[in-house]
Amino acid sequence: MNSKLFLILFFIWGCHSSPNSKINYPIIWEEGHKLKWSDFKGTAPANPPHTSRSHIKISYNHETQPDTEVFVVQDFFYPEDGFCVKGQESDYLLNHEQRHFDLTEIYARMLRKYLIEFPGHCDLDSFYVAGCDTIYTRCGVAEGLYDTESNHSLNHAIQTEWDNRIDSLLNVYSNYKNPIVKLPTPRKHSYELYDKNKNRDSKKK
């Protein structure tokens, strides 16, 4: 069994602090499960530029099984790296952070959709690397735009627009909620083709 693990994307929304040494078990995005302030276990630094921070990551795992390629694409929130300034824990601000989590889930679903649509006639390794690069770049742009346009939630009207937009996109990609994608193993991976050509060249010498 050939197993590969790729952690391809992470975002820290808000200000940065030194890494936390505690074990940081992630919360997986699940429909119907909302973040709580008790999930934000980090400590706010002195005079942070933003009131709260979320650490969100798309985790991408690929395992080759007999005749099947198994991909697991998940959206993670890391509690030990999230914080809120004490006394500022409002439902409104919590929704803003939840929407960062939701927005990243949209792009995780886009990646699952991309993998499902693998055409089968091209190299799988090159296909998913190209797709991951494109999708995580788009996700980073969208997350930054969300904070910029909503002014980190301070613009209530724009925040509401983003809430509605995110809900709509979650619905558009609702067929891709399952984090597991299974595909038939293509005839050759790029590394297998490389080994075959390498052996062929050695025989010519």
N, C-alpha and C. Protein backbone atom coordinates (compact mmCIF):
# COMPACT_ATOMS: atom_id res chain seq x y z
N MET A 1 0.84 -1.19 0.00
CA MET A 1 0.00 0.00 0.00
C MET A 1 0.88 1.25 0.00
N ASN A 2 0.57 2.12 -0.91
CA ASN A 2 1.33 3.37 -0.99
C ASN A 2 0.50 4.48 -0.38
N SER A 3 1.02 5.13 0.64
CA SER A 3 0.27 6.16 1.35
C SER A 3 0.99 7.49 1.27
N LYS A 4 0.23 8.56 1.03
CA LYS A 4 0.79 9.90 0.94
C LYS A 4 -0.04 10.83 1.81
N LEU A 5 0.60 11.79 2.41
CA LEU A 5 -0.12 12.77 3.23
C LEU A 5 0.30 14.15 2.81
N PHE A 6 -0.68 14.98 2.49
CA PHE A 6 -0.41 16.35 2.09
C PHE A 6 -1.23 17.28 2.95
N LEU A 7 -0.60 18.21 3.64
CA LEU A 7 -1.29 19.29 4.32
C LEU A 7 -1.06 20.52 3.46
N ILE A 8 -2.04 20.88 2.67
CA ILE A 8 -1.77 21.79 1.56
C ILE A 8 -2.14 23.23 1.82
N LEU A 9 -2.86 23.49 2.89
CA LEU A 9 -3.38 24.85 3.00
C LEU A 9 -3.72 25.18 4.43
N PHE A 10 -3.23 26.30 4.90
CA PHE A 10 -3.75 26.76 6.19
C PHE A 10 -3.82 28.28 6.18
N PHE A 11 -4.78 28.78 6.94
CA PHE A 11 -4.98 30.21 7.07
C PHE A 11 -5.06 30.56 8.54
N ILE A 12 -4.44 31.64 8.91
CA ILE A 12 -4.61 32.20 10.25
C ILE A 12 -5.20 33.59 10.06
N TRP A 13 -6.45 33.75 10.45
CA TRP A 13 -7.15 35.00 10.23
C TRP A 13 -7.06 35.84 11.49
N GLY A 14 -6.46 37.00 11.38
CA GLY A 14 -6.22 37.86 12.51
C GLY A 14 -4.72 38.01 12.68
N CYS A 15 -4.28 38.26 13.88
CA CYS A 15 -2.85 38.47 14.10
C CYS A 15 -2.16 37.17 14.45
N HIS A 16 -0.83 37.18 14.37
CA HIS A 16 -0.04 35.99 14.62
C HIS A 16 0.55 36.05 16.02
N SER A 17 0.75 34.87 16.61
CA SER A 17 1.45 34.76 17.88
C SER A 17 2.39 33.58 17.79
N SER A 18 3.20 33.36 18.81
CA SER A 18 4.14 32.25 18.79
C SER A 18 3.39 30.93 18.83
N PRO A 19 3.93 29.85 18.21
CA PRO A 19 3.24 28.57 18.20
C PRO A 19 2.96 28.07 19.61
N ASN A 20 1.83 27.42 19.76
CA ASN A 20 1.43 26.89 21.06
C ASN A 20 1.97 25.48 21.21
N SER A 21 2.57 25.18 22.35
CA SER A 21 3.18 23.88 22.56
C SER A 21 2.19 22.81 22.96
N LYS A 22 0.96 23.16 23.26
CA LYS A 22 -0.05 22.19 23.66
C LYS A 22 -0.47 21.34 22.47
N ILE A 23 -0.96 20.12 22.78
CA ILE A 23 -1.51 19.28 21.71
C ILE A 23 -2.76 19.98 21.17
N ASN A 24 -2.78 20.16 19.87
CA ASN A 24 -3.80 21.00 19.25
C ASN A 24 -4.73 20.14 18.39
N TYR A 25 -5.65 19.42 19.05
CA TYR A 25 -6.55 18.56 18.30
C TYR A 25 -7.56 19.42 17.53
N PRO A 26 -7.69 19.19 16.22
CA PRO A 26 -8.55 20.06 15.43
C PRO A 26 -10.03 19.71 15.56
N ILE A 27 -10.86 20.69 15.28
CA ILE A 27 -12.29 20.49 15.14
C ILE A 27 -12.59 20.38 13.65
N ILE A 28 -13.24 19.31 13.24
CA ILE A 28 -13.56 19.10 11.84
C ILE A 28 -14.87 19.82 11.52
N TRP A 29 -14.91 20.50 10.38
CA TRP A 29 -16.14 21.16 9.96
C TRP A 29 -17.22 20.11 9.76
N GLU A 30 -18.36 20.33 10.40
CA GLU A 30 -19.51 19.44 10.24
C GLU A 30 -20.76 20.28 10.10
N GLU A 31 -21.64 19.86 9.22
CA GLU A 31 -22.89 20.58 9.02
C GLU A 31 -23.71 20.56 10.31
N GLY A 32 -24.17 21.71 10.72
CA GLY A 32 -24.97 21.80 11.94
C GLY A 32 -24.16 22.04 13.20
N HIS A 33 -22.84 21.86 13.12
CA HIS A 33 -21.99 22.11 14.28
C HIS A 33 -21.38 23.51 14.16
N LYS A 34 -21.61 24.34 15.14
CA LYS A 34 -21.09 25.70 15.13
C LYS A 34 -19.99 25.85 16.18
N LEU A 35 -19.04 26.70 15.87
CA LEU A 35 -17.99 27.00 16.83
C LEU A 35 -18.57 27.71 18.05
N LYS A 36 -17.95 27.50 19.20
CA LYS A 36 -18.31 28.18 20.44
C LYS A 36 -17.07 28.93 20.92
N TRP A 37 -17.28 29.94 21.72
CA TRP A 37 -16.12 30.67 22.23
C TRP A 37 -15.22 29.78 23.07
N SER A 38 -15.80 28.75 23.66
CA SER A 38 -14.98 27.81 24.44
C SER A 38 -14.02 27.02 23.54
N ASP A 39 -14.26 27.03 22.23
CA ASP A 39 -13.35 26.37 21.29
C ASP A 39 -12.10 27.20 21.02
N PHE A 40 -12.13 28.46 21.36
CA PHE A 40 -10.99 29.36 21.15
C PHE A 40 -10.13 29.34 22.41
N LYS A 41 -9.16 28.46 22.43
CA LYS A 41 -8.42 28.20 23.66
C LYS A 41 -7.10 28.95 23.75
N GLY A 42 -6.73 29.66 22.69
CA GLY A 42 -5.49 30.42 22.72
C GLY A 42 -5.62 31.68 23.56
N THR A 43 -4.49 32.27 23.86
CA THR A 43 -4.45 33.51 24.64
C THR A 43 -4.13 34.68 23.73
N ALA A 44 -4.94 35.70 23.79
CA ALA A 44 -4.70 36.88 22.95
C ALA A 44 -3.43 37.59 23.39
N PRO A 45 -2.58 37.99 22.45
CA PRO A 45 -1.38 38.75 22.81
C PRO A 45 -1.76 40.16 23.25
N ALA A 46 -0.82 40.86 23.83
CA ALA A 46 -1.08 42.24 24.24
C ALA A 46 -1.30 43.12 23.02
N ASN A 47 -2.33 43.93 23.06
CA ASN A 47 -2.65 44.88 21.98
C ASN A 47 -2.70 44.23 20.60
N PRO A 48 -3.52 43.21 20.42
CA PRO A 48 -3.62 42.56 19.10
C PRO A 48 -4.29 43.49 18.10
N PRO A 49 -3.94 43.38 16.81
CA PRO A 49 -4.57 44.23 15.80
C PRO A 49 -6.03 43.87 15.56
N HIS A 50 -6.43 42.66 15.94
CA HIS A 50 -7.82 42.24 15.77
C HIS A 50 -8.31 41.59 17.06
N THR A 51 -9.61 41.67 17.27
CA THR A 51 -10.20 41.19 18.52
C THR A 51 -10.16 39.68 18.64
N SER A 52 -10.24 38.99 17.50
CA SER A 52 -10.28 37.53 17.54
C SER A 52 -9.46 36.96 16.39
N ARG A 53 -9.16 35.67 16.51
CA ARG A 53 -8.39 35.01 15.47
C ARG A 53 -8.84 33.56 15.34
N SER A 54 -8.86 33.06 14.10
CA SER A 54 -9.12 31.65 13.84
C SER A 54 -7.95 31.07 13.06
N HIS A 55 -7.61 29.83 13.38
CA HIS A 55 -6.61 29.09 12.62
C HIS A 55 -7.35 27.96 11.93
N ILE A 56 -7.39 28.02 10.59
CA ILE A 56 -8.18 27.08 9.80
C ILE A 56 -7.28 26.44 8.76
N LYS A 57 -7.47 25.15 8.55
CA LYS A 57 -6.61 24.42 7.60
C LYS A 57 -7.44 23.43 6.78
N ILE A 58 -7.13 23.34 5.49
CA ILE A 58 -7.64 22.24 4.68
C ILE A 58 -6.59 21.13 4.72
N SER A 59 -7.00 19.98 5.20
CA SER A 59 -6.13 18.82 5.26
C SER A 59 -6.46 17.89 4.10
N TYR A 60 -5.43 17.42 3.42
CA TYR A 60 -5.62 16.62 2.22
C TYR A 60 -4.80 15.35 2.36
N ASN A 61 -5.46 14.20 2.38
CA ASN A 61 -4.80 12.90 2.52
C ASN A 61 -5.10 12.05 1.30
N HIS A 62 -4.08 11.42 0.76
CA HIS A 62 -4.24 10.55 -0.41
C HIS A 62 -3.59 9.21 -0.13
N GLU A 63 -4.37 8.16 -0.32
CA GLU A 63 -3.86 6.80 -0.12
C GLU A 63 -4.19 5.94 -1.33
N THR A 64 -3.20 5.23 -1.84
CA THR A 64 -3.40 4.31 -2.95
C THR A 64 -3.68 2.93 -2.40
N GLN A 65 -4.86 2.41 -2.69
CA GLN A 65 -5.25 1.06 -2.33
C GLN A 65 -5.36 0.23 -3.60
N PRO A 66 -5.47 -1.08 -3.49
CA PRO A 66 -5.62 -1.90 -4.69
C PRO A 66 -6.79 -1.44 -5.55
N ASP A 67 -6.49 -0.96 -6.74
CA ASP A 67 -7.49 -0.54 -7.74
C ASP A 67 -8.26 0.72 -7.34
N THR A 68 -7.90 1.37 -6.24
CA THR A 68 -8.66 2.54 -5.79
C THR A 68 -7.73 3.61 -5.23
N GLU A 69 -8.02 4.86 -5.61
CA GLU A 69 -7.34 6.02 -5.02
C GLU A 69 -8.31 6.65 -4.03
N VAL A 70 -7.91 6.76 -2.78
CA VAL A 70 -8.78 7.30 -1.74
C VAL A 70 -8.23 8.66 -1.30
N PHE A 71 -9.06 9.68 -1.43
CA PHE A 71 -8.71 11.04 -1.02
C PHE A 71 -9.61 11.44 0.15
N VAL A 72 -9.02 12.07 1.15
CA VAL A 72 -9.80 12.61 2.27
C VAL A 72 -9.46 14.10 2.37
N VAL A 73 -10.45 14.93 2.11
CA VAL A 73 -10.27 16.39 2.14
C VAL A 73 -11.14 16.94 3.27
N GLN A 74 -10.50 17.53 4.29
CA GLN A 74 -11.24 18.01 5.45
C GLN A 74 -10.86 19.44 5.80
N ASP A 75 -11.80 20.11 6.43
CA ASP A 75 -11.65 21.50 6.85
C ASP A 75 -11.50 21.50 8.37
N PHE A 76 -10.34 21.96 8.86
CA PHE A 76 -10.03 21.90 10.29
C PHE A 76 -9.94 23.29 10.92
N PHE A 77 -10.43 23.38 12.15
CA PHE A 77 -10.22 24.55 13.01
C PHE A 77 -9.36 24.10 14.18
N TYR A 78 -8.30 24.89 14.50
CA TYR A 78 -7.37 24.52 15.56
C TYR A 78 -7.61 25.38 16.81
N PRO A 79 -8.20 24.78 17.85
CA PRO A 79 -8.60 25.55 19.04
C PRO A 79 -7.46 26.28 19.73
N GLU A 80 -6.32 25.64 19.89
CA GLU A 80 -5.23 26.25 20.66
C GLU A 80 -4.66 27.49 19.98
N ASP A 81 -4.92 27.65 18.68
CA ASP A 81 -4.41 28.82 17.95
C ASP A 81 -5.46 29.90 17.76
N GLY A 82 -6.70 29.63 18.19
CA GLY A 82 -7.75 30.64 18.09
C GLY A 82 -7.90 31.39 19.41
N PHE A 83 -8.23 32.67 19.32
CA PHE A 83 -8.42 33.44 20.55
C PHE A 83 -9.45 34.53 20.34
N CYS A 84 -9.93 35.05 21.44
CA CYS A 84 -10.73 36.27 21.44
C CYS A 84 -10.31 37.09 22.66
N VAL A 85 -10.21 38.38 22.46
CA VAL A 85 -9.85 39.27 23.57
C VAL A 85 -10.93 39.17 24.65
N LYS A 86 -10.51 39.01 25.88
CA LYS A 86 -11.44 38.83 26.98
C LYS A 86 -12.43 39.99 27.08
N GLY A 87 -13.70 39.64 27.21
CA GLY A 87 -14.75 40.64 27.32
C GLY A 87 -15.37 41.03 25.99
N GLN A 88 -14.82 40.51 24.89
CA GLN A 88 -15.32 40.87 23.56
C GLN A 88 -16.07 39.72 22.88
N GLU A 89 -16.40 38.69 23.64
CA GLU A 89 -16.99 37.47 23.07
C GLU A 89 -18.48 37.66 22.79
N SER A 90 -18.81 38.22 21.64
CA SER A 90 -20.22 38.42 21.26
C SER A 90 -20.64 37.36 20.24
N ASP A 91 -21.94 37.12 20.16
CA ASP A 91 -22.47 36.20 19.15
C ASP A 91 -22.16 36.70 17.74
N TYR A 92 -22.21 38.00 17.58
CA TYR A 92 -21.96 38.60 16.26
C TYR A 92 -20.52 38.32 15.82
N LEU A 93 -19.56 38.52 16.71
CA LEU A 93 -18.17 38.28 16.35
C LEU A 93 -17.91 36.79 16.14
N LEU A 94 -18.55 35.96 16.94
CA LEU A 94 -18.39 34.52 16.77
C LEU A 94 -18.89 34.08 15.40
N ASN A 95 -19.98 34.68 14.94
CA ASN A 95 -20.48 34.37 13.59
C ASN A 95 -19.44 34.73 12.53
N HIS A 96 -18.76 35.84 12.72
CA HIS A 96 -17.73 36.24 11.75
C HIS A 96 -16.65 35.17 11.65
N GLU A 97 -16.22 34.65 12.80
CA GLU A 97 -15.19 33.60 12.79
C GLU A 97 -15.74 32.30 12.21
N GLN A 98 -16.98 31.98 12.53
CA GLN A 98 -17.62 30.79 11.97
C GLN A 98 -17.65 30.86 10.44
N ARG A 99 -17.87 32.05 9.93
CA ARG A 99 -17.94 32.22 8.47
C ARG A 99 -16.59 32.01 7.80
N HIS A 100 -15.50 32.30 8.51
CA HIS A 100 -14.18 31.92 7.98
C HIS A 100 -14.10 30.41 7.82
N PHE A 101 -14.58 29.70 8.83
CA PHE A 101 -14.59 28.24 8.81
C PHE A 101 -15.46 27.74 7.66
N ASP A 102 -16.66 28.33 7.53
CA ASP A 102 -17.58 27.94 6.46
C ASP A 102 -17.00 28.23 5.07
N LEU A 103 -16.36 29.36 4.94
CA LEU A 103 -15.80 29.75 3.64
C LEU A 103 -14.71 28.77 3.20
N THR A 104 -13.88 28.35 4.14
CA THR A 104 -12.85 27.37 3.81
C THR A 104 -13.48 26.04 3.43
N GLU A 105 -14.58 25.67 4.08
CA GLU A 105 -15.29 24.44 3.72
C GLU A 105 -15.78 24.48 2.27
N ILE A 106 -16.20 25.64 1.81
CA ILE A 106 -16.62 25.76 0.40
C ILE A 106 -15.49 25.34 -0.53
N TYR A 107 -14.29 25.80 -0.23
CA TYR A 107 -13.16 25.47 -1.10
C TYR A 107 -12.70 24.03 -0.91
N ALA A 108 -12.91 23.47 0.26
CA ALA A 108 -12.68 22.04 0.43
C ALA A 108 -13.63 21.25 -0.45
N ARG A 109 -14.87 21.70 -0.54
CA ARG A 109 -15.86 21.03 -1.40
C ARG A 109 -15.49 21.21 -2.87
N MET A 110 -14.98 22.37 -3.22
CA MET A 110 -14.53 22.57 -4.60
C MET A 110 -13.42 21.59 -4.96
N LEU A 111 -12.52 21.34 -4.01
CA LEU A 111 -11.44 20.41 -4.25
C LEU A 111 -11.98 18.99 -4.40
N ARG A 112 -12.93 18.62 -3.57
CA ARG A 112 -13.55 17.29 -3.72
C ARG A 112 -14.21 17.16 -5.09
N LYS A 113 -14.93 18.19 -5.51
CA LYS A 113 -15.58 18.18 -6.82
C LYS A 113 -14.54 18.03 -7.92
N TYR A 114 -13.46 18.76 -7.80
CA TYR A 114 -12.38 18.69 -8.79
C TYR A 114 -11.83 17.27 -8.90
N LEU A 115 -11.62 16.62 -7.77
CA LEU A 115 -11.09 15.26 -7.78
C LEU A 115 -12.09 14.28 -8.39
N ILE A 116 -13.35 14.44 -8.05
CA ILE A 116 -14.39 13.56 -8.59
C ILE A 116 -14.43 13.65 -10.11
N GLU A 117 -14.13 14.83 -10.65
CA GLU A 117 -14.20 15.04 -12.10
C GLU A 117 -12.90 14.70 -12.82
N PHE A 118 -11.99 13.98 -12.15
CA PHE A 118 -10.75 13.54 -12.79
C PHE A 118 -11.08 12.81 -14.10
N PRO A 119 -10.54 13.25 -15.24
CA PRO A 119 -10.93 12.69 -16.53
C PRO A 119 -10.41 11.28 -16.80
N GLY A 120 -9.38 10.86 -16.08
CA GLY A 120 -8.91 9.49 -16.24
C GLY A 120 -7.86 9.28 -17.30
N HIS A 121 -7.73 10.21 -18.26
CA HIS A 121 -6.79 10.01 -19.36
C HIS A 121 -5.47 10.75 -19.14
N CYS A 122 -5.35 11.49 -18.03
CA CYS A 122 -4.12 12.23 -17.76
C CYS A 122 -3.49 11.71 -16.47
N ASP A 123 -2.32 12.19 -16.16
CA ASP A 123 -1.60 11.76 -14.96
C ASP A 123 -2.29 12.28 -13.71
N LEU A 124 -2.67 11.39 -12.80
CA LEU A 124 -3.41 11.76 -11.60
C LEU A 124 -2.61 12.66 -10.68
N ASP A 125 -1.32 12.36 -10.50
CA ASP A 125 -0.50 13.16 -9.59
C ASP A 125 -0.42 14.61 -10.04
N SER A 126 -0.15 14.82 -11.32
CA SER A 126 -0.08 16.18 -11.86
C SER A 126 -1.43 16.87 -11.79
N PHE A 127 -2.49 16.09 -12.01
CA PHE A 127 -3.85 16.63 -11.99
C PHE A 127 -4.19 17.20 -10.63
N TYR A 128 -3.96 16.42 -9.55
CA TYR A 128 -4.38 16.93 -8.24
C TYR A 128 -3.46 18.02 -7.71
N VAL A 129 -2.17 17.98 -8.09
CA VAL A 129 -1.28 19.06 -7.65
C VAL A 129 -1.71 20.39 -8.28
N ALA A 130 -2.03 20.35 -9.57
CA ALA A 130 -2.47 21.56 -10.27
C ALA A 130 -3.78 22.08 -9.68
N GLY A 131 -4.69 21.17 -9.39
CA GLY A 131 -5.97 21.58 -8.83
C GLY A 131 -5.84 22.16 -7.44
N CYS A 132 -5.01 21.53 -6.62
CA CYS A 132 -4.80 22.02 -5.26
C CYS A 132 -4.19 23.42 -5.28
N ASP A 133 -3.20 23.61 -6.12
CA ASP A 133 -2.56 24.92 -6.21
C ASP A 133 -3.57 26.01 -6.54
N THR A 134 -4.42 25.72 -7.53
CA THR A 134 -5.41 26.70 -7.96
C THR A 134 -6.46 26.97 -6.89
N ILE A 135 -6.99 25.92 -6.30
CA ILE A 135 -8.08 26.07 -5.35
C ILE A 135 -7.62 26.72 -4.05
N TYR A 136 -6.45 26.33 -3.54
CA TYR A 136 -6.06 26.96 -2.27
C TYR A 136 -5.65 28.41 -2.47
N THR A 137 -5.17 28.76 -3.68
CA THR A 137 -4.89 30.17 -3.96
C THR A 137 -6.19 30.97 -3.98
N ARG A 138 -7.20 30.43 -4.62
CA ARG A 138 -8.51 31.09 -4.67
C ARG A 138 -9.11 31.22 -3.28
N CYS A 139 -8.92 30.21 -2.46
CA CYS A 139 -9.45 30.26 -1.09
C CYS A 139 -8.78 31.37 -0.29
N GLY A 140 -7.47 31.49 -0.42
CA GLY A 140 -6.76 32.55 0.28
C GLY A 140 -7.22 33.93 -0.12
N VAL A 141 -7.46 34.09 -1.42
CA VAL A 141 -7.96 35.38 -1.92
C VAL A 141 -9.34 35.67 -1.35
N ALA A 142 -10.21 34.66 -1.36
CA ALA A 142 -11.58 34.84 -0.87
C ALA A 142 -11.61 35.17 0.63
N GLU A 143 -10.79 34.48 1.40
CA GLU A 143 -10.75 34.75 2.84
C GLU A 143 -10.25 36.16 3.12
N GLY A 144 -9.24 36.58 2.39
CA GLY A 144 -8.74 37.95 2.57
C GLY A 144 -9.76 38.99 2.17
N LEU A 145 -10.47 38.72 1.07
CA LEU A 145 -11.50 39.65 0.60
C LEU A 145 -12.63 39.76 1.61
N TYR A 146 -12.99 38.62 2.21
CA TYR A 146 -14.03 38.61 3.24
C TYR A 146 -13.69 39.55 4.39
N ASP A 147 -12.47 39.46 4.88
CA ASP A 147 -12.06 40.34 5.98
C ASP A 147 -11.97 41.80 5.54
N THR A 148 -11.47 42.01 4.34
CA THR A 148 -11.31 43.39 3.85
C THR A 148 -12.66 44.06 3.66
N GLU A 149 -13.57 43.38 2.97
CA GLU A 149 -14.87 43.99 2.67
C GLU A 149 -15.72 44.18 3.93
N SER A 150 -15.68 43.20 4.83
CA SER A 150 -16.47 43.32 6.06
C SER A 150 -15.76 44.12 7.13
N ASN A 151 -14.52 44.54 6.83
CA ASN A 151 -13.68 45.24 7.82
C ASN A 151 -13.62 44.45 9.12
N HIS A 152 -13.33 43.15 8.95
CA HIS A 152 -13.21 42.25 10.10
C HIS A 152 -14.48 42.28 10.96
N SER A 153 -15.63 42.30 10.28
CA SER A 153 -16.98 42.24 10.87
C SER A 153 -17.53 43.59 11.28
N LEU A 154 -16.73 44.65 11.22
CA LEU A 154 -17.19 45.96 11.69
C LEU A 154 -18.25 46.57 10.78
N ASN A 155 -18.24 46.19 9.50
CA ASN A 155 -19.27 46.66 8.57
C ASN A 155 -20.42 45.65 8.60
N HIS A 156 -21.45 45.96 9.33
CA HIS A 156 -22.54 45.00 9.56
C HIS A 156 -23.29 44.66 8.28
N ALA A 157 -23.52 45.64 7.44
CA ALA A 157 -24.26 45.39 6.20
C ALA A 157 -23.49 44.44 5.29
N ILE A 158 -22.19 44.66 5.14
CA ILE A 158 -21.37 43.79 4.28
C ILE A 158 -21.21 42.41 4.92
N GLN A 159 -21.13 42.36 6.24
CA GLN A 159 -21.07 41.07 6.92
C GLN A 159 -22.30 40.24 6.59
N THR A 160 -23.46 40.87 6.61
CA THR A 160 -24.70 40.16 6.28
C THR A 160 -24.68 39.67 4.84
N GLU A 161 -24.15 40.48 3.92
CA GLU A 161 -24.03 40.05 2.53
C GLU A 161 -23.15 38.82 2.41
N TRP A 162 -22.05 38.82 3.13
CA TRP A 162 -21.15 37.66 3.10
C TRP A 162 -21.80 36.44 3.75
N ASP A 163 -22.55 36.63 4.80
CA ASP A 163 -23.28 35.52 5.42
C ASP A 163 -24.17 34.84 4.38
N ASN A 164 -24.92 35.65 3.65
CA ASN A 164 -25.84 35.11 2.65
C ASN A 164 -25.08 34.45 1.50
N ARG A 165 -23.98 35.06 1.09
CA ARG A 165 -23.17 34.52 -0.01
C ARG A 165 -22.58 33.17 0.37
N ILE A 166 -22.07 33.07 1.58
CA ILE A 166 -21.46 31.82 2.04
C ILE A 166 -22.51 30.72 2.15
N ASP A 167 -23.68 31.06 2.71
CA ASP A 167 -24.77 30.07 2.80
C ASP A 167 -25.16 29.57 1.42
N SER A 168 -25.23 30.49 0.47
CA SER A 168 -25.61 30.12 -0.89
C SER A 168 -24.59 29.18 -1.52
N LEU A 169 -23.30 29.47 -1.33
CA LEU A 169 -22.26 28.63 -1.91
C LEU A 169 -22.17 27.27 -1.24
N LEU A 170 -22.41 27.21 0.07
CA LEU A 170 -22.46 25.92 0.73
C LEU A 170 -23.57 25.06 0.13
N ASN A 171 -24.67 25.69 -0.22
CA ASN A 171 -25.78 24.97 -0.85
C ASN A 171 -25.42 24.54 -2.27
N VAL A 172 -24.75 25.42 -3.02
CA VAL A 172 -24.35 25.09 -4.39
C VAL A 172 -23.47 23.84 -4.42
N TYR A 173 -22.58 23.74 -3.44
CA TYR A 173 -21.64 22.61 -3.40
C TYR A 173 -22.06 21.55 -2.38
N SER A 174 -23.35 21.46 -2.11
CA SER A 174 -23.85 20.53 -1.09
C SER A 174 -23.64 19.07 -1.47
N ASN A 175 -23.49 18.78 -2.76
CA ASN A 175 -23.26 17.40 -3.20
C ASN A 175 -21.85 16.91 -2.87
N TYR A 176 -21.01 17.81 -2.35
CA TYR A 176 -19.60 17.46 -2.10
C TYR A 176 -19.26 17.59 -0.62
N LYS A 177 -20.26 17.31 0.24
CA LYS A 177 -20.04 17.39 1.69
C LYS A 177 -19.19 16.22 2.20
N ASN A 178 -19.30 15.09 1.55
CA ASN A 178 -18.56 13.91 2.00
C ASN A 178 -17.06 14.14 1.82
N PRO A 179 -16.27 14.07 2.89
CA PRO A 179 -14.84 14.36 2.76
C PRO A 179 -14.06 13.29 2.00
N ILE A 180 -14.67 12.12 1.80
CA ILE A 180 -13.96 11.01 1.15
C ILE A 180 -14.32 10.94 -0.32
N VAL A 181 -13.28 10.90 -1.16
CA VAL A 181 -13.45 10.75 -2.61
C VAL A 181 -12.68 9.50 -3.03
N LYS A 182 -13.36 8.60 -3.75
CA LYS A 182 -12.72 7.38 -4.24
C LYS A 182 -12.74 7.37 -5.77
N LEU A 183 -11.58 7.06 -6.34
CA LEU A 183 -11.44 7.00 -7.79
C LEU A 183 -10.77 5.69 -8.17
N PRO A 184 -11.08 5.17 -9.36
CA PRO A 184 -10.33 4.00 -9.84
C PRO A 184 -8.87 4.37 -10.04
N THR A 185 -7.97 3.49 -9.67
CA THR A 185 -6.55 3.75 -9.86
C THR A 185 -6.24 3.84 -11.35
N PRO A 186 -5.63 4.96 -11.79
CA PRO A 186 -5.26 5.06 -13.21
C PRO A 186 -4.18 4.04 -13.54
N ARG A 187 -4.00 3.80 -14.83
CA ARG A 187 -3.05 2.76 -15.25
C ARG A 187 -1.65 3.05 -14.76
N LYS A 188 -1.23 4.31 -14.78
CA LYS A 188 0.11 4.66 -14.35
C LYS A 188 0.10 5.98 -13.61
N HIS A 189 0.86 6.04 -12.52
CA HIS A 189 1.17 7.30 -11.87
C HIS A 189 2.41 7.87 -12.52
N SER A 190 2.64 9.13 -12.31
CA SER A 190 3.81 9.77 -12.91
C SER A 190 5.10 9.12 -12.43
N TYR A 191 5.15 8.75 -11.13
CA TYR A 191 6.38 8.14 -10.63
C TYR A 191 6.60 6.76 -11.22
N GLU A 192 5.51 6.03 -11.56
CA GLU A 192 5.65 4.72 -12.19
C GLU A 192 6.15 4.86 -13.61
N LEU A 193 5.63 5.86 -14.33
CA LEU A 193 6.10 6.12 -15.68
C LEU A 193 7.57 6.50 -15.68
N TYR A 194 7.96 7.28 -14.68
CA TYR A 194 9.36 7.69 -14.56
C TYR A 194 10.26 6.46 -14.37
N ASP A 195 9.87 5.55 -13.47
CA ASP A 195 10.67 4.36 -13.23
C ASP A 195 10.75 3.48 -14.47
N LYS A 196 9.64 3.37 -15.21
CA LYS A 196 9.63 2.55 -16.41
C LYS A 196 10.58 3.11 -17.46
N ASN A 197 10.53 4.42 -17.68
CA ASN A 197 11.40 5.06 -18.66
C ASN A 197 12.86 4.97 -18.23
N LYS A 198 13.08 5.08 -16.93
CA LYS A 198 14.45 5.01 -16.41
C LYS A 198 15.04 3.63 -16.68
N ASN A 199 14.24 2.58 -16.46
CA ASN A 199 14.71 1.23 -16.72
C ASN A 199 14.94 0.99 -18.21
N ARG A 200 14.08 1.57 -19.04
CA ARG A 200 14.23 1.42 -20.48
C ARG A 200 15.51 2.08 -20.96
N ASP A 201 15.82 3.27 -20.42
CA ASP A 201 17.05 3.96 -20.81
C ASP A 201 18.28 3.18 -20.38
N SER A 202 18.24 2.56 -19.21
CA SER A 202 19.40 1.84 -18.71
C SER A 202 19.71 0.62 -19.56
N LYS A 203 18.69 0.04 -20.18
CA LYS A 203 18.89 -1.13 -21.00
C LYS A 203 19.57 -0.77 -22.31
N LYS A 204 19.43 0.49 -22.75
CA LYS A 204 20.02 0.92 -24.01
C LYS A 204 21.52 1.11 -23.89
N LYS A 205 22.02 1.31 -22.68
CA LYS A 205 23.43 1.60 -22.50
C LYS A 205 24.29 0.34 -22.63
